[in-house]
């Protein structure tokens, strides 16, 4: 009788572990699907603004890559060449908000206005 009870407990424990593993993977799948939707939405919004020649407000990082100054968008993590690097001079490595025109053909941005993020946001995840 004790042996049967021990085997039954072991089987129930195994099933509960398997169910927990499935729910964890399902949650991570849901999170990645939500992230993919956010990225798709951001890319569509960028494409629409570029098509109409409108300014777009973006948040991201100003970086140096391969001798070029680039803007890395927070939403989709894409790098954009900065067409007017003088507008961001001295802000390399900073987290900024910009108002910019996007050029999808050249994959570049022309920065019209730049605002530094608060100091607490600067160290939040240097890319």
Protein backbone atom coordinates (compact mmCIF):
# COMPACT_ATOMS: atom_id res chain seq x y z
CA UNK A 1 0.00 0.00 0.00
CA UNK A 2 2.84 2.41 0.85
CA UNK A 3 4.54 1.58 -2.45
CA UNK A 4 1.35 2.36 -4.41
CA UNK A 5 0.94 5.68 -2.60
CA UNK A 6 4.60 6.60 -3.27
CA UNK A 7 4.26 5.80 -6.99
CA UNK A 8 1.03 7.80 -7.21
CA UNK A 9 2.67 10.83 -5.55
CA UNK A 10 5.65 10.57 -7.91
CA UNK A 11 3.36 10.48 -10.96
CA UNK A 12 1.34 13.48 -9.74
CA UNK A 13 4.54 15.40 -9.03
CA UNK A 14 5.84 14.66 -12.55
CA UNK A 15 2.62 15.88 -14.15
CA UNK A 16 2.64 19.08 -12.11
CA UNK A 17 6.25 19.81 -13.20
CA UNK A 18 5.32 19.18 -16.84
CA UNK A 19 2.33 21.52 -16.60
CA UNK A 20 4.43 24.26 -15.00
CA UNK A 21 7.01 23.99 -17.77
CA UNK A 22 4.32 24.26 -20.45
CA UNK A 23 2.75 27.35 -18.88
CA UNK A 24 6.16 29.05 -18.60
CA UNK A 25 6.95 28.44 -22.27
CA UNK A 26 3.47 29.61 -23.24
CA UNK A 27 4.03 32.86 -21.33
CA UNK A 28 7.36 33.48 -23.05
CA UNK A 29 5.70 32.79 -26.41
CA UNK A 30 2.99 35.34 -25.54
CA UNK A 31 5.62 37.91 -24.55
CA UNK A 32 7.59 37.46 -27.76
CA UNK A 33 4.38 37.71 -29.81
CA UNK A 34 3.48 40.98 -28.04
CA UNK A 35 7.01 42.30 -28.65
CA UNK A 36 6.77 41.36 -32.34
CA UNK A 37 3.44 43.21 -32.62
CA UNK A 38 4.98 46.33 -31.02
CA UNK A 39 7.91 46.23 -33.43
CA UNK A 40 5.60 45.75 -36.44
CA UNK A 41 3.44 48.67 -35.29
CA UNK A 42 6.50 50.91 -34.83
CA UNK A 43 7.85 49.98 -38.27
CA UNK A 44 4.51 50.70 -39.95
CA UNK A 45 4.28 54.07 -38.19
CA UNK A 46 7.85 54.92 -39.28
CA UNK A 47 7.13 53.92 -42.89
CA UNK A 48 3.95 56.02 -42.98
CA UNK A 49 5.75 59.09 -41.57
CA UNK A 50 8.62 58.64 -44.04
CA UNK A 51 6.19 58.30 -46.95
CA UNK A 52 4.42 61.53 -46.01
CA UNK A 53 7.66 63.39 -45.17
CA UNK A 54 6.40 64.16 -41.67
CA UNK A 55 8.52 64.55 -38.56
CA UNK A 56 8.39 61.68 -36.15
CA UNK A 57 9.15 61.71 -32.44
CA UNK A 58 11.52 58.88 -31.51
CA UNK A 59 13.42 57.83 -28.41
CA UNK A 60 16.76 56.07 -28.67
CA UNK A 61 20.54 56.18 -28.43
CA UNK A 62 23.10 58.17 -30.42
CA UNK A 63 26.06 55.91 -31.18
CA UNK A 64 29.22 55.70 -33.24
CA UNK A 65 29.28 52.64 -35.53
CA UNK A 66 31.97 52.03 -38.14
CA UNK A 67 32.95 55.71 -38.18
CA UNK A 68 29.33 56.87 -38.66
CA UNK A 69 27.01 58.53 -36.20
CA UNK A 70 23.80 56.51 -35.95
CA UNK A 71 20.51 56.65 -34.05
CA UNK A 72 19.30 53.36 -32.51
CA UNK A 73 15.53 53.42 -32.02
CA UNK A 74 14.30 52.05 -28.68
CA UNK A 75 11.14 50.49 -30.11
CA UNK A 76 12.52 48.30 -32.88
CA UNK A 77 16.27 48.45 -32.07
CA UNK A 78 17.07 49.45 -35.67
CA UNK A 79 20.04 51.67 -36.45
CA UNK A 80 19.47 54.70 -38.67
CA UNK A 81 22.30 56.71 -40.25
CA UNK A 82 22.10 60.36 -39.18
CA UNK A 83 22.05 62.58 -42.28
CA UNK A 84 23.02 65.69 -40.29
CA UNK A 85 25.55 64.47 -37.67
CA UNK A 86 26.27 68.04 -36.54
CA UNK A 87 22.79 68.09 -34.95
CA UNK A 88 23.85 65.38 -32.48
CA UNK A 89 27.48 66.37 -31.99
CA UNK A 90 28.51 65.75 -28.39
CA UNK A 91 25.57 63.41 -27.71
CA UNK A 92 27.28 60.14 -28.69
CA UNK A 93 26.40 57.50 -26.12
CA UNK A 94 23.42 59.48 -24.80
CA UNK A 95 19.78 58.44 -24.56
CA UNK A 96 17.76 61.10 -26.39
CA UNK A 97 14.35 62.07 -27.72
CA UNK A 98 14.38 63.40 -31.26
CA UNK A 99 12.01 64.92 -33.73
CA UNK A 100 13.23 63.75 -37.12
CA UNK A 101 12.33 63.08 -40.72
CA UNK A 102 12.88 59.49 -41.83
CA UNK A 103 14.23 58.50 -45.23
CA UNK A 104 13.36 54.84 -45.81
CA UNK A 105 15.26 54.69 -49.12
CA UNK A 106 18.60 55.65 -47.53
CA UNK A 107 17.66 54.30 -44.10
CA UNK A 108 18.62 57.64 -42.57
CA UNK A 109 17.15 60.28 -40.29
CA UNK A 110 17.45 64.04 -40.41
CA UNK A 111 17.27 65.33 -36.84
CA UNK A 112 15.29 68.54 -36.41
CA UNK A 113 15.19 68.66 -32.61
CA UNK A 114 17.07 66.73 -29.91
CA UNK A 115 16.28 66.55 -26.19
CA UNK A 116 18.37 64.68 -23.64
CA UNK A 117 16.62 62.09 -21.49
CA UNK A 118 16.84 62.47 -17.71
CA UNK A 119 20.05 61.31 -16.03
CA UNK A 120 18.21 58.31 -14.54
CA UNK A 121 17.35 57.13 -18.08
CA UNK A 122 20.96 57.47 -19.31
CA UNK A 123 22.35 54.52 -17.39
CA UNK A 124 19.22 52.41 -17.88
CA UNK A 125 20.70 50.24 -20.61
CA UNK A 126 23.62 51.53 -22.59
CA UNK A 127 23.54 49.85 -25.94
